[in-house]
Amino acid sequence: MDKKYKEDYQFIRAVCDAIQGRDVEKKNRLLNILYIRYHEIIHNFIAKLLWLYSNTHLNETERTKLKDIEGDIENDFLVAILSDESRILSNYEGNSSFKTYLYSVVKNFLKQRIIEMVSLLRRESIPIDNLCYSTEDFNEKDDTIECLSLKLAHLPETRMVTYVDENPEENIIQKEKEINDNIKKQALAAAILQLSFYYPDDARHIIMDLCGLKRKDIAAKLDIAVNTLNKRLTRSPYGAYEKLKKIIRAILLKDYKIDVDCM
């Protein structure tokens, strides 16, 4: 703990102790003080960050949706920080002012909420099949995650086909395979979108790789050696594909209740 932030630290520790204690009156009094001190700060942080994200990452439809749920997001954050089970307050260690700490917490909270919202809106708009582009399709003007995603979105959409067979058992197996393949495609699209928020360069490299470009052509476009590109994509445990795998696992577990580690 930094000495100059001792007052902030002691106050937050007192709030945490009150939350865990049995003195309801003291708990409510300290939570009320916390709310009065930081409510306006939190409101301004959220408004500023939402404006920033809206104008740098989102399209018009997503900006409209985000504006509709802005009040809900602020209420959800306040509930999260003031709830008995929350670790937001207890994780503050006094290494910075509580205001600075709050900014980083708000930023991470908003990123997750925006990613969840955008994933739902875009999940089925980024097909992964039939990807074929040449290096010329990726020029300096449109070599951004948003533009690359649009390239993917305008490719022919893969449709599920049910094969009727006289053998019902084989037909069931085929349907299960189609469902599983569709889940994999949706999880991959959502994972690439999430990756683009945290690691835009990694997401860009993966999209170009998935589009069937030769890695030597991708490396030439990025003005790096092929070995350097291969390391960025595949090195363990920090390569782009390793990051993507972790996100896919989380999406499969959260959205589809599929635990890859147990399969």
Protein backbone atom coordinates (compact mmCIF):
# COMPACT_ATOMS: atom_id res chain seq x y z
CA MET A 1 0.00 0.00 0.00
CA ASP A 2 1.24 3.48 -0.92
CA LYS A 3 1.16 5.84 2.07
CA LYS A 4 -0.42 8.68 0.10
CA TYR A 5 -3.45 6.47 -0.58
CA LYS A 6 -3.77 5.33 3.04
CA GLU A 7 -7.01 7.25 3.61
CA ASP A 8 -8.67 5.66 0.56
CA TYR A 9 -7.44 2.22 1.59
CA GLN A 10 -8.63 2.50 5.19
CA PHE A 11 -12.07 3.72 4.10
CA ILE A 12 -12.54 0.87 1.60
CA ARG A 13 -11.32 -1.68 4.17
CA ALA A 14 -13.88 -0.27 6.64
CA VAL A 15 -16.61 -0.68 4.01
CA CYS A 16 -15.51 -4.28 3.32
CA ASP A 17 -15.49 -5.11 7.04
CA ALA A 18 -18.94 -3.59 7.44
CA ILE A 19 -20.29 -5.65 4.54
CA GLN A 20 -19.01 -8.82 6.17
CA GLY A 21 -20.13 -7.79 9.67
CA ARG A 22 -23.49 -7.98 11.36
CA ASP A 23 -24.00 -4.27 12.08
CA VAL A 24 -26.59 -3.47 9.39
CA GLU A 25 -26.81 0.21 10.36
CA LYS A 26 -23.04 0.71 10.03
CA LYS A 27 -23.00 -1.19 6.75
CA ASN A 28 -25.77 0.94 5.24
CA ARG A 29 -24.14 4.15 6.49
CA LEU A 30 -20.74 3.35 4.94
CA LEU A 31 -22.28 2.13 1.68
CA ASN A 32 -24.26 5.36 1.49
CA ILE A 33 -21.05 7.38 1.98
CA LEU A 34 -19.35 5.31 -0.72
CA TYR A 35 -22.26 5.91 -3.08
CA ILE A 36 -22.28 9.69 -2.44
CA ARG A 37 -18.50 9.97 -2.93
CA TYR A 38 -18.19 7.95 -6.11
CA HIS A 39 -21.58 7.78 -7.86
CA GLU A 40 -20.96 10.85 -10.03
CA ILE A 41 -17.41 9.71 -10.79
CA ILE A 42 -18.68 6.30 -11.91
CA HIS A 43 -21.40 7.94 -14.02
CA ASN A 44 -18.82 10.14 -15.79
CA PHE A 45 -16.43 7.22 -16.34
CA ILE A 46 -19.18 5.11 -17.90
CA ALA A 47 -20.43 7.94 -20.12
CA LYS A 48 -16.91 8.73 -21.33
CA LEU A 49 -15.93 5.12 -22.04
CA LEU A 50 -19.23 4.27 -23.74
CA TRP A 51 -18.80 7.27 -26.03
CA LEU A 52 -15.24 6.16 -26.81
CA TYR A 53 -16.18 2.53 -27.53
CA SER A 54 -19.22 3.57 -29.56
CA ASN A 55 -17.20 5.77 -31.88
CA THR A 56 -14.24 3.44 -32.34
CA HIS A 57 -15.63 -0.12 -32.33
CA LEU A 58 -19.35 -0.15 -33.05
CA ASN A 59 -21.57 0.30 -36.09
CA GLU A 60 -24.75 2.40 -36.07
CA THR A 61 -27.06 -0.44 -35.00
CA GLU A 62 -24.77 -1.36 -32.12
CA ARG A 63 -24.43 2.27 -31.02
CA THR A 64 -28.23 2.59 -30.89
CA LYS A 65 -28.51 -0.62 -28.86
CA LEU A 66 -25.76 0.52 -26.49
CA LYS A 67 -27.49 3.86 -25.92
CA ASP A 68 -30.71 2.02 -25.04
CA ILE A 69 -28.99 -0.04 -22.32
CA GLU A 70 -26.62 2.65 -20.98
CA GLY A 71 -28.75 3.21 -17.86
CA ASP A 72 -28.97 -0.55 -17.24
CA ILE A 73 -25.19 -0.87 -17.48
CA GLU A 74 -24.63 1.84 -14.86
CA ASN A 75 -27.19 0.27 -12.51
CA ASP A 76 -25.67 -3.19 -13.00
CA PHE A 77 -22.22 -1.85 -12.14
CA LEU A 78 -23.47 -0.15 -8.98
CA VAL A 79 -25.22 -3.36 -7.93
CA ALA A 80 -22.03 -5.31 -8.67
CA ILE A 81 -19.78 -3.04 -6.62
CA LEU A 82 -22.17 -2.76 -3.65
CA SER A 83 -23.27 -6.39 -3.40
CA ASP A 84 -22.17 -8.55 -0.49
CA GLU A 85 -20.55 -11.12 -2.81
CA SER A 86 -18.57 -8.56 -4.82
CA ARG A 87 -14.78 -8.70 -4.72
CA ILE A 88 -14.36 -5.32 -6.41
CA LEU A 89 -13.90 -3.48 -3.12
CA SER A 90 -11.84 -6.17 -1.38
CA ASN A 91 -9.41 -6.36 -4.33
CA TYR A 92 -8.37 -2.73 -3.84
CA GLU A 93 -4.88 -2.78 -2.31
CA GLY A 94 -4.13 0.94 -2.02
CA ASN A 95 -1.44 1.02 -4.73
CA SER A 96 -3.29 3.89 -6.41
CA SER A 97 -6.15 6.20 -5.53
CA PHE A 98 -9.51 4.45 -5.32
CA LYS A 99 -10.70 6.70 -8.16
CA THR A 100 -7.94 5.38 -10.43
CA TYR A 101 -8.73 1.82 -9.36
CA LEU A 102 -12.41 2.41 -10.12
CA TYR A 103 -11.58 3.58 -13.63
CA SER A 104 -9.80 0.31 -14.46
CA VAL A 105 -12.65 -1.73 -12.95
CA VAL A 106 -15.30 0.24 -14.88
CA LYS A 107 -13.28 -0.15 -18.08
CA ASN A 108 -13.08 -3.94 -17.74
CA PHE A 109 -16.75 -4.19 -16.75
CA LEU A 110 -17.86 -2.17 -19.78
CA LYS A 111 -15.65 -4.11 -22.16
CA GLN A 112 -17.23 -7.36 -21.07
CA ARG A 113 -20.78 -6.00 -21.33
CA ILE A 114 -20.13 -4.50 -24.78
CA ILE A 115 -18.48 -7.68 -26.02
CA GLU A 116 -21.46 -9.74 -24.85
CA MET A 117 -23.89 -7.35 -26.56
CA VAL A 118 -21.95 -7.17 -29.83
CA SER A 119 -21.38 -10.93 -29.86
CA LEU A 120 -25.13 -11.51 -29.76
CA LEU A 121 -25.73 -8.98 -32.55
CA ARG A 122 -22.91 -10.16 -34.81
CA ARG A 123 -22.63 -13.83 -33.95
CA GLU A 124 -24.39 -15.11 -37.05
CA SER A 125 -23.12 -12.36 -39.37
CA ILE A 126 -19.54 -13.61 -39.67
CA PRO A 127 -19.60 -16.95 -41.55
CA ILE A 128 -16.33 -18.87 -41.49
CA ASP A 129 -16.85 -21.20 -44.49
CA ASN A 130 -15.70 -20.57 -48.06
CA LEU A 131 -13.04 -18.05 -47.08
CA CYS A 132 -10.91 -17.21 -50.10
CA TYR A 133 -9.23 -13.87 -50.64
CA SER A 134 -5.99 -12.76 -52.21
CA THR A 135 -3.48 -10.39 -50.66
CA GLU A 136 -4.82 -7.59 -52.86
CA ASP A 137 -8.14 -7.74 -51.01
CA PHE A 138 -6.40 -6.45 -47.88
CA ASN A 139 -5.13 -2.95 -48.52
CA GLU A 140 -4.04 -0.24 -46.13
CA LYS A 141 -7.36 1.62 -46.32
CA ASP A 142 -9.57 -1.21 -45.12
CA ASP A 143 -7.14 -3.36 -43.14
CA THR A 144 -9.08 -2.98 -39.90
CA ILE A 145 -10.98 -5.49 -37.80
CA GLU A 146 -14.29 -3.88 -38.72
CA CYS A 147 -13.54 -3.99 -42.47
CA LEU A 148 -12.17 -7.52 -42.30
CA SER A 149 -15.29 -8.62 -40.45
CA LEU A 150 -17.41 -7.03 -43.18
CA LYS A 151 -15.44 -8.97 -45.79
CA LEU A 152 -16.28 -12.15 -43.91
CA ALA A 153 -19.90 -11.12 -43.46
CA HIS A 154 -20.42 -10.68 -47.21
CA LEU A 155 -19.17 -14.13 -48.09
CA PRO A 156 -21.78 -16.76 -49.03
CA GLU A 157 -23.55 -17.86 -45.87
CA THR A 158 -23.32 -21.53 -45.00
CA ARG A 159 -26.73 -23.11 -44.66
CA MET A 160 -27.51 -26.30 -42.77
CA VAL A 161 -28.70 -29.16 -44.93
CA THR A 162 -30.64 -32.10 -43.55
CA TYR A 163 -29.93 -35.33 -45.34
CA VAL A 164 -32.90 -37.68 -45.31
CA ASP A 165 -31.81 -41.28 -44.97
CA GLU A 166 -33.75 -44.49 -44.72
CA ASN A 167 -31.67 -45.30 -41.69
CA PRO A 168 -33.01 -43.07 -38.87
CA GLU A 169 -29.95 -43.67 -36.70
CA GLU A 170 -27.63 -42.30 -39.37
CA ASN A 171 -29.96 -39.38 -39.90
CA ILE A 172 -29.81 -38.50 -36.19
CA ILE A 173 -26.02 -38.70 -36.26
CA GLN A 174 -25.94 -36.41 -39.29
CA LYS A 175 -28.21 -33.87 -37.58
CA GLU A 176 -26.04 -33.92 -34.46
CA LYS A 177 -22.97 -33.33 -36.61
CA GLU A 178 -24.65 -30.35 -38.31
CA ILE A 179 -25.62 -28.86 -34.94
CA ASN A 180 -22.10 -29.33 -33.57
CA ASP A 181 -20.54 -27.80 -36.69
CA ASN A 182 -22.87 -24.81 -36.42
CA ILE A 183 -21.97 -24.33 -32.75
CA LYS A 184 -18.27 -24.42 -33.63
CA LYS A 185 -18.72 -21.77 -36.33
CA GLN A 186 -20.74 -19.49 -34.03
CA ALA A 187 -18.23 -19.88 -31.20
CA LEU A 188 -15.33 -19.16 -33.55
CA ALA A 189 -16.99 -16.01 -34.92
CA ALA A 190 -17.79 -14.76 -31.40
CA ALA A 191 -14.25 -15.57 -30.20
CA ILE A 192 -12.62 -13.64 -33.05
CA LEU A 193 -14.83 -10.68 -32.22
CA GLN A 194 -13.83 -10.80 -28.55
CA LEU A 195 -10.17 -11.19 -29.47
CA SER A 196 -10.42 -8.07 -31.66
CA PHE A 197 -11.32 -5.95 -28.61
CA TYR A 198 -8.32 -7.06 -26.54
CA TYR A 199 -5.74 -8.01 -29.20
CA PRO A 200 -6.73 -6.39 -32.54
CA ASP A 201 -3.45 -7.29 -34.28
CA ASP A 202 -3.79 -10.96 -33.31
CA ALA A 203 -7.38 -11.01 -34.54
CA ARG A 204 -6.35 -9.41 -37.84
CA HIS A 205 -3.58 -11.97 -38.37
CA ILE A 206 -5.93 -14.88 -37.62
CA ILE A 207 -8.64 -13.58 -39.97
CA MET A 208 -6.11 -13.23 -42.80
CA ASP A 209 -4.82 -16.73 -42.02
CA LEU A 210 -8.35 -18.18 -41.99
CA CYS A 211 -9.08 -16.46 -45.29
CA GLY A 212 -6.62 -18.84 -46.91
CA LEU A 213 -3.82 -16.38 -47.60
CA LYS A 214 -0.36 -17.90 -47.70
CA ARG A 215 1.61 -16.95 -44.64
CA LYS A 216 4.50 -15.67 -46.74
CA ASP A 217 2.06 -13.24 -48.39
CA ILE A 218 0.66 -12.16 -45.02
CA ALA A 219 4.21 -11.68 -43.69
CA ALA A 220 5.15 -9.62 -46.77
CA LYS A 221 2.11 -7.40 -46.28
CA LEU A 222 2.95 -6.90 -42.60
CA ASP A 223 6.63 -6.37 -43.49
CA ILE A 224 7.83 -9.06 -41.10
CA ALA A 225 9.62 -12.39 -41.49
CA VAL A 226 7.55 -15.55 -41.99
CA ASN A 227 9.10 -17.07 -38.85
CA THR A 228 8.05 -14.01 -36.87
CA LEU A 229 4.48 -14.36 -38.14
CA ASN A 230 4.44 -18.07 -37.29
CA LYS A 231 5.61 -17.32 -33.76
CA ARG A 232 2.94 -14.63 -33.31
CA LEU A 233 0.27 -17.07 -34.45
CA THR A 234 1.33 -20.33 -32.84
CA ARG A 235 3.80 -19.82 -29.99
CA SER A 236 2.73 -21.23 -26.65
CA PRO A 237 1.22 -19.98 -24.40
CA TYR A 238 0.96 -16.43 -25.79
CA GLY A 239 0.35 -16.97 -29.51
CA ALA A 240 -2.74 -15.61 -31.25
CA TYR A 241 -4.29 -19.05 -31.72
CA GLU A 242 -3.64 -19.95 -28.07
CA LYS A 243 -5.51 -16.81 -26.99
CA LEU A 244 -8.31 -17.65 -29.42
CA LYS A 245 -8.60 -21.21 -28.05
CA LYS A 246 -9.01 -19.92 -24.49
CA ILE A 247 -11.80 -17.56 -25.58
CA ILE A 248 -13.54 -20.34 -27.54
CA ARG A 249 -13.41 -22.63 -24.50
CA ALA A 250 -14.98 -19.91 -22.35
CA ILE A 251 -17.74 -19.25 -24.91
CA LEU A 252 -18.55 -22.94 -25.32
CA LEU A 253 -18.78 -23.35 -21.55
CA LYS A 254 -20.82 -20.19 -20.89
CA ASP A 255 -23.17 -20.14 -23.90
CA TYR A 256 -23.49 -23.83 -24.77
CA LYS A 257 -22.60 -25.59 -21.47
CA ILE A 258 -19.87 -27.52 -23.30
CA ASP A 259 -16.74 -28.18 -21.24
CA VAL A 260 -14.03 -29.01 -23.78
CA ASP A 261 -11.68 -30.22 -21.02
CA CYS A 262 -14.18 -32.92 -20.04
CA MET A 263 -14.68 -34.27 -23.56
